[in-house]
């Protein structure tokens, strides 16, 4: 995990910076919380999708059937979840920026 942690932090700041170019700072903790929660819900939805497809692949593997399409869907959902988690962390960072600017 330590191998990629610095890269992840860079991606979080890159995502935060891109969001700051498109949207103003949060006007209140309430607004920030709502935006952060939305990103968390999107990440959870993608992760749930990944888990469902991975479970389906295991069912096919146990039945000696072709699991690759489900593993591919699981993989794609996992990548999407990671992107959403980066957005989640970026919005948390943006939230913390309010304290530093205040």
Protein backbone atom coordinates (compact mmCIF):
# COMPACT_ATOMS: atom_id res chain seq x y z
CA UNK A 1 0.00 0.00 0.00
CA UNK A 2 2.81 2.41 0.75
CA UNK A 3 4.01 2.04 -2.84
CA UNK A 4 0.99 3.91 -4.20
CA UNK A 5 -0.05 6.10 -1.25
CA UNK A 6 1.89 9.15 -2.46
CA UNK A 7 0.39 8.70 -5.93
CA UNK A 8 -3.10 8.49 -4.45
CA UNK A 9 -2.56 11.67 -2.45
CA UNK A 10 -1.37 13.42 -5.62
CA UNK A 11 -4.53 12.24 -7.40
CA UNK A 12 -6.68 13.50 -4.52
CA UNK A 13 -5.12 16.95 -4.80
CA UNK A 14 -5.39 16.86 -8.60
CA UNK A 15 -9.10 16.05 -8.31
CA UNK A 16 -9.58 18.76 -5.65
CA UNK A 17 -7.82 21.32 -7.84
CA UNK A 18 -9.98 20.41 -10.83
CA UNK A 19 -13.12 20.71 -8.70
CA UNK A 20 -11.97 24.09 -7.40
CA UNK A 21 -11.61 25.35 -10.98
CA UNK A 22 -15.19 24.34 -11.75
CA UNK A 23 -16.91 25.13 -8.46
CA UNK A 24 -16.45 27.74 -5.73
CA UNK A 25 -15.37 26.79 -2.21
CA UNK A 26 -18.07 25.25 -0.04
CA UNK A 27 -20.27 27.99 1.37
CA UNK A 28 -20.91 26.10 4.58
CA UNK A 29 -20.13 22.87 6.38
CA UNK A 30 -23.65 21.73 5.45
CA UNK A 31 -22.95 22.12 1.74
CA UNK A 32 -19.58 20.42 2.08
CA UNK A 33 -21.11 17.52 3.97
CA UNK A 34 -23.77 17.02 1.29
CA UNK A 35 -21.19 16.98 -1.52
CA UNK A 36 -18.94 14.59 0.40
CA UNK A 37 -21.87 12.28 1.17
CA UNK A 38 -22.84 12.16 -2.51
CA UNK A 39 -19.33 11.03 -3.45
CA UNK A 40 -19.37 8.38 -0.72
CA UNK A 41 -22.71 7.04 -1.93
CA UNK A 42 -21.42 6.86 -5.52
CA UNK A 43 -18.28 5.01 -4.39
CA UNK A 44 -20.36 2.57 -2.33
CA UNK A 45 -22.65 1.89 -5.28
CA UNK A 46 -19.67 1.04 -7.51
CA UNK A 47 -18.07 -1.12 -4.83
CA UNK A 48 -21.35 -2.98 -4.30
CA UNK A 49 -21.53 -3.57 -8.05
CA UNK A 50 -17.98 -4.91 -8.02
CA UNK A 51 -18.77 -7.31 -5.17
CA UNK A 52 -21.95 -8.60 -6.81
CA UNK A 53 -20.14 -9.34 -10.06
CA UNK A 54 -17.20 -10.95 -8.28
CA UNK A 55 -19.60 -13.16 -6.32
CA UNK A 56 -21.31 -14.13 -9.58
CA UNK A 57 -17.93 -15.02 -11.05
CA UNK A 58 -17.24 -17.31 -8.10
CA UNK A 59 -20.58 -19.05 -8.65
CA UNK A 60 -19.63 -19.65 -12.27
CA UNK A 61 -16.15 -20.86 -11.32
CA UNK A 62 -17.65 -23.39 -8.91
CA UNK A 63 -19.95 -24.58 -11.71
CA UNK A 64 -16.98 -24.88 -14.11
CA UNK A 65 -18.43 -22.15 -16.32
CA UNK A 66 -16.94 -19.07 -17.98
CA UNK A 67 -16.50 -16.30 -15.32
CA UNK A 68 -14.52 -13.71 -17.28
CA UNK A 69 -17.34 -11.33 -18.17
CA UNK A 70 -18.26 -11.00 -14.49
CA UNK A 71 -14.65 -10.51 -13.44
CA UNK A 72 -14.37 -7.83 -16.16
CA UNK A 73 -17.50 -6.09 -14.84
CA UNK A 74 -16.15 -6.38 -11.29
CA UNK A 75 -12.81 -4.93 -12.38
CA UNK A 76 -14.47 -2.00 -14.17
CA UNK A 77 -16.69 -1.28 -11.17
CA UNK A 78 -13.65 -1.47 -8.88
CA UNK A 79 -11.79 1.10 -10.98
CA UNK A 80 -14.89 3.30 -10.92
CA UNK A 81 -15.11 2.88 -7.13
CA UNK A 82 -11.47 3.91 -6.76
CA UNK A 83 -12.12 7.02 -8.86
CA UNK A 84 -15.17 7.83 -6.75
CA UNK A 85 -13.14 7.30 -3.57
CA UNK A 86 -10.55 9.73 -4.89
CA UNK A 87 -13.35 12.23 -5.46
CA UNK A 88 -14.64 11.49 -1.95
CA UNK A 89 -11.20 12.20 -0.47
CA UNK A 90 -10.82 15.29 -2.67
CA UNK A 91 -14.07 16.73 -1.36
CA UNK A 92 -12.96 15.98 2.19
CA UNK A 93 -9.73 17.85 1.43
CA UNK A 94 -11.78 20.73 0.00
CA UNK A 95 -13.83 20.71 3.20
CA UNK A 96 -10.66 20.87 5.30
CA UNK A 97 -9.47 23.76 3.16
CA UNK A 98 -12.36 25.81 4.59
CA UNK A 99 -10.75 25.60 8.03
CA UNK A 100 -7.35 26.60 6.71
CA UNK A 101 -8.82 29.59 4.86
CA UNK A 102 -11.05 30.65 7.76
